[in-house]
Amino acid sequence: MSIASSSSRGIKHALTRSSRCTTSARLTQQKIDIPSFLLPGLSVRHQSSSSETNKRRDKERYNYNTSLSFSDAPDPDHVHWRRVTASELTSRKEPPTRVKMLVRDFIDDSLYNPSYGYFSRNATIFTPPKEGFDFSSFADTAAFQEAVAERYEKEYGLEPTTGQTGGLGRQVWHTPTELFKPYYARTLLSAILQSYKLNHFPHEPLILYEIGAGNGSFMIDSLHYLQQNYPEIYEKVEYRIIEISASLAKGQKERAEKEGFGDKVTVINSDFFKWDGTIDGVSKGGEACFVVALEVFDNFAHDMIRYDISTLTPFQGVVAIDASGDFSMIYEPITDPLIRRVLAYKRLLPPSSSTTPPLSSPLLYSGLLRSLYTSLPFSANLSQPDFLPTKSILFLEHLREKLPNHRLLISDFDTLPDAVEGRNGPVVQTRYGGSMIPCETFLVKQGYFDIFFPTDFELLRDIYSVIMNSPSPSSTSTSPSTSSAIPPAFNKPSKQPKPLSKDFFSGVQGFRRRQVNIYKHDEFINKYGDQQQIIAKTNLRNGENVMKQLYDNAKVMF
């Protein structure tokens, strides 16, 4: 089953019901009164012109959806609006107007702006009992889910549906690390220890980096496990957290000190993308290390492109915000260097459903059919949206630059329900009065909606291999970035540059060439979880293993 909860990241229980955010009428039928101040951002897409900036908004014309109308033009004054990035908006206290930005900057600003971003105001991580759940006490999975729901209600409650915020309150994440404490962390650490003992012990210390450690549960469970079972490794372990949130970083440090791990843990309060690779002024780039990213990649912002169906030329999507705070999409030739690099990486890979334009095979390989198709009345001139994992790729590039001798472990979702239309489209939702309301577009009021993406693990693994096996960034002559030219339109594979051979993807450079594997959630647990000490202790009374049964829409790359 696909797992969904208060944020589609955990289990789905009786108290959480998903309903699609499509029309105001449907919301009314569900007896959910959306606050009036949120209606423009939730269900109305209105486009104003410069001549009507000071006028009252027209009545609702149509609802948010991903089927863009090409009969409506954006505000003609948009050519004069300032082009901004998410980093340029960090000092703002309110969402901007009369600006344009790339889709990834719009999503980044919506999620991470210090003043109005979603993670700054509405997100909380679910916390289980201190010692974790006693899984053997539950009759079956339904009983376990009910216990989680009860704790959820006891600890976090439900927001009222009236008042200034109108019940649009914080969301609570359910993650495997928290739900299956401490056994999930022990499973992940067992995989790391297997590699560490084979390649580095006893000559090098175990150095762990965790990107975005949340409440610090994985850190605490891992260090306790090492302390109790591998004292010779624990003696030299160094645990380093890179955390963008100042409040979470403070809590992680306090929790480490409270548990007696203060001398083992270093918390770096920094955006990973801006981290210079040093700790206390000392470069750490030459050390062999393990980098762990758990449920991190899903909130990395993506860019959105669409292809001209006639020529297969890609165009980058730009979000335009008018004087009233309403959104429009503009498409323009690709000029962004990061989008160019991602498309260049994809052109190096063997053709697949992840690397070619999102069109049916007949249209993809026949220019004549595309010409006939686009000549039909009312036919689309652009492909469906294609969401590119640009921030994920930037993460891998930065990781290679700052920690080249790493081994990477990623755990995240590979599929998500109720996603926005398009290839690799995100889930956009908010929690309202105990119900989850997913929406059909990412163009929603900043700060009130979680926006998260499934991870295409196969594509990520292949681009990771390209990045790690490419010449150093200083060797620009053979770099795949091709930043000096706009990516060409897609052609038949026979006209493409010769793709890399399949054995190229057998591994990446790091402290040694190795296999990079992708596992389904339960496959990883079966491979690395100790049968008696981990798997048996997460069995329910009816024989089900709740840790393997849930999160079957997640994968692990290691």
Protein backbone atom coordinates (compact mmCIF):
# COMPACT_ATOMS: atom_id res chain seq x y z
CA MET A 1 0.00 0.00 0.00
CA SER A 2 1.05 3.58 -0.53
CA ILE A 3 1.72 5.26 2.77
CA ALA A 4 0.15 8.59 3.59
CA SER A 5 -0.45 10.51 6.77
CA SER A 6 -0.74 14.07 7.90
CA SER A 7 1.88 14.85 5.28
CA SER A 8 1.77 11.74 3.07
CA ARG A 9 5.08 10.78 4.71
CA GLY A 10 3.83 8.29 7.24
CA ILE A 11 0.93 6.01 8.02
CA LYS A 12 -2.65 6.78 7.10
CA HIS A 13 -5.04 6.46 10.02
CA ALA A 14 -8.76 6.93 10.53
CA LEU A 15 -8.41 10.45 11.78
CA THR A 16 -6.65 11.64 8.62
CA ARG A 17 -8.76 11.77 5.49
CA SER A 18 -7.43 13.11 2.19
CA SER A 19 -9.68 15.15 -0.07
CA ARG A 20 -8.67 16.74 -3.34
CA CYS A 21 -8.54 20.52 -3.47
CA THR A 22 -10.17 21.27 -6.79
CA THR A 23 -13.10 23.62 -6.37
CA SER A 24 -14.57 25.81 -3.73
CA ALA A 25 -17.88 24.04 -4.23
CA ARG A 26 -16.34 20.72 -3.36
CA LEU A 27 -14.81 22.17 -0.22
CA THR A 28 -18.23 23.48 0.75
CA GLN A 29 -19.78 20.07 0.23
CA GLN A 30 -17.26 18.70 2.70
CA LYS A 31 -18.34 21.36 5.19
CA ILE A 32 -14.83 22.80 5.38
CA ASP A 33 -14.95 26.57 5.58
CA ILE A 34 -11.76 27.91 4.06
CA PRO A 35 -10.77 31.28 5.54
CA SER A 36 -11.40 34.10 3.11
CA PHE A 37 -7.84 35.37 3.28
CA LEU A 38 -6.63 32.05 1.86
CA LEU A 39 -9.11 31.72 -0.96
CA PRO A 40 -6.97 33.61 -3.50
CA GLY A 41 -4.08 31.26 -2.80
CA LEU A 42 -6.08 28.07 -2.49
CA SER A 43 -8.76 27.99 -5.13
CA VAL A 44 -8.69 31.06 -7.36
CA ARG A 45 -6.29 31.89 -10.14
CA HIS A 46 -6.82 35.51 -11.15
CA GLN A 47 -4.67 37.54 -13.49
CA SER A 48 -4.74 41.29 -13.29
CA SER A 49 -3.26 43.87 -15.64
CA SER A 50 -1.32 46.94 -14.66
CA SER A 51 -4.38 49.12 -15.36
CA GLU A 52 -6.48 47.28 -12.80
CA THR A 53 -3.93 46.93 -10.02
CA ASN A 54 -5.87 49.15 -7.67
CA LYS A 55 -9.27 47.71 -8.53
CA ARG A 56 -11.10 45.04 -6.61
CA ARG A 57 -10.45 41.51 -7.78
CA ASP A 58 -12.88 39.99 -10.19
CA LYS A 59 -15.07 37.18 -8.97
CA GLU A 60 -13.63 33.68 -9.17
CA ARG A 61 -13.09 32.77 -12.79
CA TYR A 62 -11.68 29.29 -12.52
CA ASN A 63 -10.02 27.08 -9.99
CA TYR A 64 -6.43 26.05 -9.60
CA ASN A 65 -5.43 23.24 -11.88
CA THR A 66 -2.46 22.23 -13.96
CA SER A 67 -4.22 22.69 -17.31
CA LEU A 68 -2.94 26.13 -18.17
CA SER A 69 -5.11 28.30 -20.38
CA PHE A 70 -3.23 29.75 -23.33
CA SER A 71 -6.07 32.14 -24.12
CA ASP A 72 -5.17 34.15 -21.02
CA ALA A 73 -1.95 36.14 -21.14
CA PRO A 74 0.00 37.09 -18.02
CA ASP A 75 -0.06 40.66 -16.85
CA PRO A 76 1.56 42.55 -19.76
CA ASP A 77 3.53 44.54 -17.23
CA HIS A 78 5.44 41.41 -16.17
CA VAL A 79 8.33 42.37 -18.45
CA HIS A 80 9.10 45.16 -15.98
CA TRP A 81 8.93 42.98 -12.85
CA ARG A 82 12.10 42.24 -10.95
CA ARG A 83 13.69 38.79 -11.36
CA VAL A 84 14.47 37.36 -7.90
CA THR A 85 15.81 34.19 -6.28
CA ALA A 86 14.82 32.53 -3.01
CA SER A 87 18.04 33.66 -1.33
CA GLU A 88 17.24 37.28 -2.18
CA LEU A 89 13.88 36.97 -0.40
CA THR A 90 15.15 35.60 2.94
CA SER A 91 14.99 39.04 4.60
CA ARG A 92 11.37 39.65 3.58
CA LYS A 93 8.62 39.43 6.18
CA GLU A 94 5.80 38.92 3.67
CA PRO A 95 5.57 37.17 0.29
CA PRO A 96 6.68 39.38 -2.61
CA THR A 97 4.56 40.90 -5.38
CA ARG A 98 5.38 42.12 -8.89
CA VAL A 99 8.31 39.70 -9.20
CA LYS A 100 9.33 36.71 -11.33
CA MET A 101 11.32 33.66 -10.28
CA LEU A 102 12.15 30.15 -11.38
CA VAL A 103 9.90 27.39 -10.10
CA ARG A 104 12.61 26.07 -7.75
CA ASP A 105 13.00 29.54 -6.21
CA PHE A 106 9.25 29.84 -5.73
CA ILE A 107 9.12 26.45 -3.99
CA ASP A 108 12.24 27.19 -1.93
CA ASP A 109 10.78 30.50 -0.80
CA SER A 110 7.43 28.87 0.02
CA LEU A 111 9.07 26.20 2.17
CA TYR A 112 12.15 27.79 3.73
CA ASN A 113 11.68 31.55 4.00
CA PRO A 114 12.61 32.38 7.64
CA SER A 115 9.54 34.58 8.17
CA TYR A 116 6.67 33.01 6.23
CA GLY A 117 8.06 29.70 4.95
CA TYR A 118 6.18 26.50 5.66
CA PHE A 119 8.96 24.91 7.74
CA SER A 120 9.36 28.09 9.75
CA ARG A 121 5.80 28.09 11.01
CA ASN A 122 3.74 24.97 10.43
CA ALA A 123 5.84 21.80 10.57
CA THR A 124 6.41 19.52 13.55
CA ILE A 125 8.09 16.11 13.67
CA PHE A 126 6.06 13.31 15.26
CA THR A 127 7.72 12.01 18.42
CA PRO A 128 7.02 8.45 19.68
CA PRO A 129 7.41 7.35 23.32
CA LYS A 130 10.98 7.80 24.56
CA GLU A 131 11.80 4.10 24.33
CA GLY A 132 9.77 3.60 21.17
CA PHE A 133 6.61 1.54 20.73
CA ASP A 134 6.31 -1.97 22.16
CA PHE A 135 5.46 -3.64 18.86
CA SER A 136 4.76 -7.05 20.38
CA SER A 137 1.83 -5.52 22.29
CA PHE A 138 -0.14 -4.74 19.12
CA ALA A 139 -2.45 -7.35 17.66
CA ASP A 140 -2.02 -6.18 14.06
CA THR A 141 -1.12 -3.23 11.87
CA ALA A 142 -4.50 -1.59 12.37
CA ALA A 143 -3.97 -1.60 16.15
CA PHE A 144 -0.54 -0.03 15.71
CA GLN A 145 -1.95 2.67 13.44
CA GLU A 146 -4.65 3.42 15.96
CA ALA A 147 -2.04 3.81 18.70
CA VAL A 148 -0.11 6.25 16.54
CA ALA A 149 -3.33 8.18 15.85
CA GLU A 150 -4.13 8.36 19.55
CA ARG A 151 -0.67 9.65 20.40
CA TYR A 152 -0.93 12.12 17.54
CA GLU A 153 -4.19 13.51 18.93
CA LYS A 154 -2.90 13.52 22.50
CA GLU A 155 0.33 15.33 21.70
CA TYR A 156 -0.75 17.64 18.87
CA GLY A 157 -4.55 17.76 18.83
CA LEU A 158 -6.65 19.21 16.05
CA GLU A 159 -6.74 22.85 15.06
CA PRO A 160 -10.06 24.71 15.36
CA THR A 161 -11.71 25.62 12.08
CA THR A 162 -12.37 29.21 13.08
CA GLY A 163 -10.22 32.15 14.09
CA GLN A 164 -7.46 34.10 12.44
CA THR A 165 -5.72 31.10 10.87
CA GLY A 166 -8.97 29.29 10.15
CA GLY A 167 -7.69 25.89 11.23
CA LEU A 168 -4.85 25.82 8.74
CA GLY A 169 -2.33 24.62 11.26
CA ARG A 170 0.89 22.76 11.55
CA GLN A 171 1.45 19.40 9.99
CA VAL A 172 3.20 16.55 11.76
CA TRP A 173 5.60 14.29 9.90
CA HIS A 174 5.65 10.56 10.44
CA THR A 175 9.08 9.17 9.53
CA PRO A 176 10.39 5.59 9.80
CA THR A 177 13.15 6.75 12.16
CA GLU A 178 10.58 8.03 14.65
CA LEU A 179 7.89 5.37 14.23
CA PHE A 180 10.25 2.40 14.41
CA LYS A 181 12.59 3.80 17.02
CA PRO A 182 15.28 2.51 17.61
CA TYR A 183 15.21 -0.38 15.14
CA TYR A 184 15.11 1.53 11.88
CA ALA A 185 18.18 3.55 12.84
CA ARG A 186 19.98 0.34 13.81
CA THR A 187 19.19 -1.17 10.41
CA LEU A 188 20.64 1.82 8.55
CA LEU A 189 23.68 1.90 10.81
CA SER A 190 24.26 -1.83 10.30
CA ALA A 191 24.65 -1.19 6.56
CA ILE A 192 27.13 1.60 7.25
CA LEU A 193 29.09 -0.51 9.72
CA GLN A 194 29.39 -3.36 7.23
CA SER A 195 31.09 -1.04 4.74
CA TYR A 196 33.15 0.72 7.42
CA LYS A 197 34.54 -2.47 8.93
CA LEU A 198 35.38 -3.85 5.51
CA ASN A 199 37.25 -0.77 4.27
CA HIS A 200 38.39 1.45 7.16
CA PHE A 201 38.41 -0.16 10.59
CA PRO A 202 40.56 0.07 12.68
CA HIS A 203 42.84 2.59 10.97
CA GLU A 204 40.30 5.36 10.43
CA PRO A 205 37.54 6.68 12.72
CA LEU A 206 33.88 6.30 11.80
CA ILE A 207 32.81 9.75 10.61
CA LEU A 208 29.08 10.25 10.08
CA TYR A 209 27.42 13.30 8.54
CA GLU A 210 23.66 13.66 8.80
CA ILE A 211 22.00 16.28 6.61
CA GLY A 212 18.90 17.69 8.31
CA ALA A 213 18.70 15.65 11.51
CA GLY A 214 15.22 16.74 12.63
CA ASN A 215 14.74 15.88 16.30
CA GLY A 216 18.07 14.06 16.39
CA SER A 217 16.52 10.62 16.81
CA PHE A 218 18.75 8.88 14.27
CA MET A 219 21.81 10.39 15.95
CA ILE A 220 20.79 9.26 19.44
CA ASP A 221 19.71 5.77 18.40
CA SER A 222 22.89 5.25 16.36
CA LEU A 223 25.28 6.40 19.09
CA HIS A 224 23.50 4.30 21.72
CA TYR A 225 23.77 1.28 19.43
CA LEU A 226 27.49 1.84 18.89
CA GLN A 227 28.11 2.45 22.58
CA GLN A 228 26.37 -0.77 23.60
CA ASN A 229 27.50 -3.11 20.81
CA TYR A 230 30.68 -1.69 19.26
CA PRO A 231 32.60 0.14 22.02
CA GLU A 232 35.85 -0.01 20.02
CA ILE A 233 34.17 1.90 17.15
CA TYR A 234 32.25 4.22 19.46
CA GLU A 235 35.49 5.33 21.08
CA LYS A 236 36.59 7.04 17.85
CA VAL A 237 33.25 7.92 16.26
CA GLU A 238 32.62 11.49 15.12
CA TYR A 239 29.02 12.48 14.41
CA ARG A 240 28.43 15.70 12.49
CA ILE A 241 25.07 17.27 11.73
CA ILE A 242 24.53 19.95 9.10
CA GLU A 243 21.24 21.64 9.97
CA ILE A 244 19.74 24.70 8.29
CA SER A 245 17.21 25.42 11.08
CA ALA A 246 18.62 27.33 14.05
CA SER A 247 15.92 26.00 16.42
CA LEU A 248 16.43 22.38 15.35
CA ALA A 249 20.21 22.75 15.56
CA LYS A 250 19.89 24.03 19.11
CA GLY A 251 17.61 21.16 20.06
CA GLN A 252 19.93 18.58 18.49
CA LYS A 253 22.92 19.89 20.42
CA GLU A 254 20.98 19.98 23.70
CA ARG A 255 19.70 16.44 23.15
CA ALA A 256 23.20 15.13 22.40
CA GLU A 257 24.53 16.69 25.59
CA LYS A 258 21.61 15.37 27.62
CA GLU A 259 22.25 11.82 26.39
CA GLY A 260 25.97 12.07 27.16
CA PHE A 261 27.14 12.39 23.56
CA GLY A 262 28.21 16.03 23.65
CA ASP A 263 31.85 15.20 22.94
CA LYS A 264 30.92 13.00 19.97
CA VAL A 265 28.51 15.33 18.18
CA THR A 266 29.21 18.51 16.25
CA VAL A 267 26.19 20.50 15.04
CA ILE A 268 26.86 22.83 12.11
CA ASN A 269 24.01 25.34 11.81
CA SER A 270 24.29 26.05 8.11
CA ASP A 271 22.57 25.57 4.81
CA PHE A 272 24.40 22.61 3.29
CA PHE A 273 24.51 24.36 -0.07
CA LYS A 274 26.46 27.22 1.57
CA TRP A 275 28.68 25.10 3.81
CA ASP A 276 32.35 25.61 2.96
CA GLY A 277 33.47 22.12 3.98
CA THR A 278 35.26 23.24 7.14
CA ILE A 279 34.68 22.80 10.86
CA ASP A 280 36.28 25.44 13.09
CA GLY A 281 38.26 26.60 10.09
CA VAL A 282 39.71 23.15 9.32
CA SER A 283 38.90 21.54 5.98
CA LYS A 284 37.34 18.09 6.23
CA GLY A 285 37.38 17.26 2.54
CA GLY A 286 40.12 14.64 2.73
CA GLU A 287 38.42 12.39 5.29
CA ALA A 288 36.61 9.16 4.47
CA CYS A 289 33.06 9.57 5.73
CA PHE A 290 29.46 8.45 5.42
CA VAL A 291 26.73 10.95 4.55
CA VAL A 292 23.15 10.17 5.59
CA ALA A 293 20.09 11.98 4.19
CA LEU A 294 16.76 10.65 5.52
CA GLU A 295 13.56 12.11 4.05
CA VAL A 296 15.58 15.11 2.85
CA PHE A 297 15.47 14.84 -0.93
CA ASP A 298 11.67 15.02 -1.09
CA ASN A 299 11.71 18.65 0.00
CA PHE A 300 14.47 19.70 -2.38
CA ALA A 301 12.91 22.19 -4.78
CA HIS A 302 12.55 21.21 -8.43
CA ASP A 303 12.45 23.22 -11.60
CA MET A 304 9.72 22.70 -14.16
CA ILE A 305 10.26 22.59 -17.92
CA ARG A 306 7.97 21.84 -20.83
CA TYR A 307 8.89 20.82 -24.36
CA ASP A 308 7.67 22.39 -27.57
CA ILE A 309 5.87 19.47 -29.18
CA SER A 310 6.85 20.48 -32.70
CA THR A 311 10.58 20.90 -32.13
CA LEU A 312 11.13 19.18 -28.75
CA THR A 313 12.90 22.31 -27.56
CA PRO A 314 12.70 22.66 -23.74
CA PHE A 315 11.44 25.83 -22.06
CA GLN A 316 11.94 26.72 -18.41
CA GLY A 317 8.95 27.63 -16.28
CA VAL A 318 8.91 30.97 -14.46
CA VAL A 319 6.39 31.95 -11.77
CA ALA A 320 5.11 35.52 -12.11
CA ILE A 321 3.44 37.12 -9.07
CA ASP A 322 1.31 40.17 -9.79
CA ALA A 323 0.50 43.15 -7.57
CA SER A 324 -2.41 41.25 -5.99
CA GLY A 325 -0.28 38.24 -5.10
CA ASP A 326 -1.79 36.03 -7.81
CA PHE A 327 0.32 33.65 -9.86
CA SER A 328 0.90 33.06 -13.57
CA MET A 329 3.25 30.74 -15.42
CA ILE A 330 5.59 32.07 -18.10
CA TYR A 331 7.73 29.86 -20.35
CA GLU A 332 11.00 31.05 -21.81
CA PRO A 333 14.12 29.62 -23.47
CA ILE A 334 16.41 27.91 -21.00
CA THR A 335 19.00 30.30 -19.61
CA ASP A 336 19.50 28.97 -16.08
CA PRO A 337 22.93 27.27 -15.73
CA LEU A 338 21.69 24.63 -13.26
CA ILE A 339 18.81 23.55 -15.50
CA ARG A 340 21.28 23.37 -18.37
CA ARG A 341 23.61 21.13 -16.38
CA VAL A 342 20.83 18.76 -15.35
CA LEU A 343 19.67 18.41 -18.95
CA ALA A 344 23.29 17.87 -20.03
CA TYR A 345 23.70 15.09 -17.45
CA LYS A 346 20.52 13.44 -18.70
CA ARG A 347 21.77 13.52 -22.29
CA LEU A 348 24.79 11.46 -21.18
CA LEU A 349 22.55 8.66 -19.94
CA PRO A 350 21.00 5.82 -21.93
CA PRO A 351 17.55 6.81 -23.27
CA SER A 352 14.76 5.97 -20.85
CA SER A 353 11.41 7.25 -19.64
CA SER A 354 13.33 9.49 -17.22
CA THR A 355 15.67 11.09 -19.75
CA THR A 356 13.54 11.67 -22.86
CA PRO A 357 10.77 14.30 -23.17
CA PRO A 358 7.49 13.17 -21.54
CA LEU A 359 5.69 12.27 -24.74
CA SER A 360 4.30 9.05 -26.16
CA SER A 361 6.73 7.05 -28.29
CA PRO A 362 4.99 7.78 -31.64
CA LEU A 363 5.21 11.54 -31.04
CA LEU A 364 8.68 11.31 -29.56
CA TYR A 365 10.29 9.67 -32.57
CA SER A 366 8.23 10.99 -35.48
CA GLY A 367 8.50 14.62 -36.51
CA LEU A 368 5.71 14.10 -39.03
CA LEU A 369 3.28 12.91 -36.36
CA ARG A 370 4.23 15.84 -34.14
CA SER A 371 3.57 18.24 -37.01
CA LEU A 372 0.20 16.66 -37.70
CA TYR A 373 -0.69 16.65 -34.02
CA THR A 374 0.12 20.31 -33.43
CA SER A 375 -1.89 21.30 -36.53
CA LEU A 376 -5.08 19.87 -35.00
CA PRO A 377 -7.56 22.37 -33.52
CA PHE A 378 -7.16 22.93 -29.79
CA SER A 379 -4.08 20.70 -29.60
CA ALA A 380 -1.46 21.51 -26.96
CA ASN A 381 1.73 23.16 -28.12
CA LEU A 382 3.71 22.16 -25.04
CA SER A 383 4.26 18.80 -23.35
CA GLN A 384 3.07 18.00 -19.88
CA PRO A 385 5.25 19.50 -17.12
CA ASP A 386 8.56 17.79 -16.45
CA PHE A 387 9.85 18.48 -12.92
CA LEU A 388 13.65 18.38 -12.79
CA PRO A 389 15.43 17.55 -9.48
CA THR A 390 17.75 20.54 -9.82
CA LYS A 391 18.39 21.07 -6.09
CA SER A 392 19.04 17.35 -5.63
CA ILE A 393 21.66 17.46 -8.38
CA LEU A 394 23.16 20.61 -6.88
CA PHE A 395 23.38 18.73 -3.57
CA LEU A 396 25.35 15.92 -5.24
CA GLU A 397 27.68 18.42 -6.94
CA HIS A 398 28.33 20.22 -3.65
CA LEU A 399 28.84 16.90 -1.86
CA ARG A 400 31.46 15.87 -4.40
CA GLU A 401 33.23 19.20 -4.03
CA LYS A 402 33.28 19.41 -0.22
CA LEU A 403 33.32 15.72 0.82
CA PRO A 404 34.74 13.80 -2.15
CA ASN A 405 35.68 10.75 -0.05
CA HIS A 406 32.15 10.01 1.11
CA ARG A 407 29.69 7.19 0.78
CA LEU A 408 26.08 8.30 0.52
CA LEU A 409 23.00 6.73 2.08
CA ILE A 410 19.62 8.15 1.04
CA SER A 411 16.17 7.04 2.18
CA ASP A 412 13.09 8.64 0.68
CA PHE A 413 9.83 8.14 -1.20
CA ASP A 414 9.86 6.98 -4.81
CA THR A 415 6.11 7.34 -5.39
CA LEU A 416 3.48 9.55 -3.78
CA PRO A 417 -0.32 9.61 -4.01
CA ASP A 418 -2.31 12.68 -5.09
CA ALA A 419 0.63 14.21 -6.95
CA VAL A 420 0.39 17.25 -9.22
CA GLU A 421 0.11 16.35 -12.89
CA GLY A 422 3.42 15.97 -14.70
CA ARG A 423 6.47 13.75 -14.65
CA ASN A 424 7.82 13.55 -11.12
CA GLY A 425 5.11 15.98 -9.98
CA PRO A 426 4.97 16.99 -6.30
CA VAL A 427 2.33 16.48 -3.66
CA VAL A 428 0.99 19.83 -2.45
CA GLN A 429 -1.19 19.71 0.64
CA THR A 430 -2.11 21.32 3.91
CA ARG A 431 -3.73 20.09 7.10
CA TYR A 432 -7.09 21.64 7.80
CA GLY A 433 -9.16 20.71 10.84
CA GLY A 434 -7.68 17.22 10.99
CA SER A 435 -8.06 16.54 7.26
CA MET A 436 -5.36 16.55 4.62
CA ILE A 437 -6.27 18.59 1.55
CA PRO A 438 -4.06 17.86 -1.47
CA CYS A 439 -4.13 20.41 -4.29
CA GLU A 440 -3.68 20.15 -8.04
CA THR A 441 -0.98 22.81 -8.41
CA PHE A 442 2.13 24.08 -6.67
CA LEU A 443 0.96 27.68 -7.18
CA VAL A 444 -0.43 28.09 -3.68
CA LYS A 445 -0.11 30.67 -0.92
CA GLN A 446 3.43 30.64 0.36
CA GLY A 447 3.99 29.09 3.77
CA TYR A 448 0.68 27.26 4.19
CA PHE A 449 1.32 24.18 2.09
CA ASP A 450 3.86 21.40 2.19
CA ILE A 451 5.37 20.76 -1.25
CA PHE A 452 7.34 17.54 -1.65
CA PHE A 453 8.46 15.34 -4.50
CA PRO A 454 8.98 11.66 -5.18
CA THR A 455 12.57 10.69 -5.89
CA ASP A 456 13.47 8.98 -9.17
CA PHE A 457 16.16 6.82 -7.59
CA GLU A 458 17.38 5.28 -10.83
CA LEU A 459 17.88 8.69 -12.44
CA LEU A 460 19.49 10.03 -9.26
CA ARG A 461 21.88 7.06 -9.08
CA ASP A 462 22.94 7.46 -12.70
CA ILE A 463 23.55 11.21 -12.48
CA TYR A 464 25.37 10.64 -9.18
CA SER A 465 27.67 8.25 -11.01
CA VAL A 466 28.29 10.80 -13.75
CA ILE A 467 29.09 13.52 -11.21
CA MET A 468 31.40 11.38 -9.10
CA ASN A 469 33.29 9.97 -12.09
CA SER A 470 33.59 13.27 -13.97
CA PRO A 471 36.79 15.32 -13.97
CA SER A 472 37.15 17.85 -11.20
CA PRO A 473 35.16 21.10 -11.51
CA SER A 474 38.34 22.91 -12.53
CA SER A 475 38.64 20.69 -15.60
CA THR A 476 36.00 22.54 -17.56
CA SER A 477 37.09 21.26 -20.93
CA THR A 478 35.39 17.91 -20.38
CA SER A 479 32.70 19.00 -17.96
CA PRO A 480 29.17 17.94 -18.88
CA SER A 481 27.72 21.26 -17.79
CA THR A 482 27.75 22.78 -21.29
CA SER A 483 26.87 26.11 -19.72
CA SER A 484 27.76 28.03 -22.84
CA ALA A 485 24.86 26.81 -24.92
CA ILE A 486 21.18 26.15 -24.56
CA PRO A 487 20.50 22.39 -24.46
CA PRO A 488 19.52 21.24 -27.92
CA ALA A 489 16.19 19.72 -28.68
CA PHE A 490 15.85 15.99 -28.15
CA ASN A 491 16.58 13.81 -31.15
CA LYS A 492 16.36 10.13 -31.83
CA PRO A 493 18.88 8.06 -29.86
CA SER A 494 20.81 7.39 -33.08
CA LYS A 495 21.51 11.12 -33.40
CA GLN A 496 22.42 11.58 -29.74
CA PRO A 497 26.01 11.65 -28.53
CA LYS A 498 27.05 8.12 -27.72
CA PRO A 499 25.62 7.31 -24.26
CA LEU A 500 27.74 5.96 -21.49
CA SER A 501 28.03 2.19 -21.33
CA LYS A 502 25.97 0.36 -18.76
CA ASP A 503 29.04 -0.75 -16.80
CA PHE A 504 29.82 2.93 -16.20
CA PHE A 505 26.99 2.89 -13.69
CA SER A 506 28.43 0.01 -11.67
CA GLY A 507 29.76 2.41 -9.07
CA VAL A 508 31.10 5.82 -8.20
CA GLN A 509 34.41 7.21 -7.04
CA GLY A 510 34.91 7.84 -3.37
CA PHE A 511 37.30 6.10 -1.11
CA ARG A 512 37.04 3.20 -3.59
CA ARG A 513 35.02 2.20 -6.62
CA ARG A 514 31.95 0.34 -5.49
CA GLN A 515 28.43 -0.71 -6.36
CA VAL A 516 25.64 1.78 -5.76
CA ASN A 517 22.50 -0.17 -5.00
CA ILE A 518 18.86 0.81 -4.82
CA TYR A 519 16.66 -1.19 -2.47
CA LYS A 520 12.97 -1.25 -1.78
CA HIS A 521 12.24 -0.44 1.84
CA ASP A 522 11.57 -4.05 2.88
CA GLU A 523 14.49 -5.38 0.81
CA PHE A 524 16.91 -3.13 2.66
CA ILE A 525 15.56 -4.23 6.02
CA ASN A 526 15.83 -7.91 5.07
CA LYS A 527 19.43 -7.44 3.90
CA TYR A 528 20.82 -5.40 6.76
CA GLY A 529 18.44 -5.86 9.70
CA ASP A 530 19.53 -8.49 12.20
CA GLN A 531 16.84 -11.16 12.36
CA GLN A 532 16.80 -11.50 16.14
CA GLN A 533 17.86 -8.06 17.35
CA ILE A 534 15.94 -5.92 14.87
CA ILE A 535 13.37 -7.68 12.69
CA ALA A 536 11.93 -9.98 15.36
CA LYS A 537 11.46 -7.05 17.72
CA THR A 538 9.24 -5.21 15.24
CA ASN A 539 6.90 -8.17 14.70
CA LEU A 540 3.28 -7.79 15.77
CA ARG A 541 1.31 -10.49 17.57
CA ASN A 542 -0.26 -11.75 14.34
CA GLY A 543 3.18 -12.28 12.80
CA GLU A 544 3.22 -9.17 10.60
CA ASN A 545 6.37 -7.08 10.58
CA VAL A 546 5.17 -3.52 10.76
CA MET A 547 8.54 -1.99 9.84
CA LYS A 548 8.66 -3.94 6.56
CA GLN A 549 4.97 -3.66 5.77
CA LEU A 550 4.65 0.11 6.02
CA TYR A 551 6.52 2.56 3.80
CA ASP A 552 6.43 0.34 0.73
CA ASN A 553 6.53 3.54 -1.33
CA ALA A 554 10.06 4.25 -0.05
CA LYS A 555 13.48 3.21 -1.29
CA VAL A 556 17.06 3.34 -0.05
CA MET A 557 20.15 4.16 -2.13
CA PHE A 558 23.45 2.94 -0.68
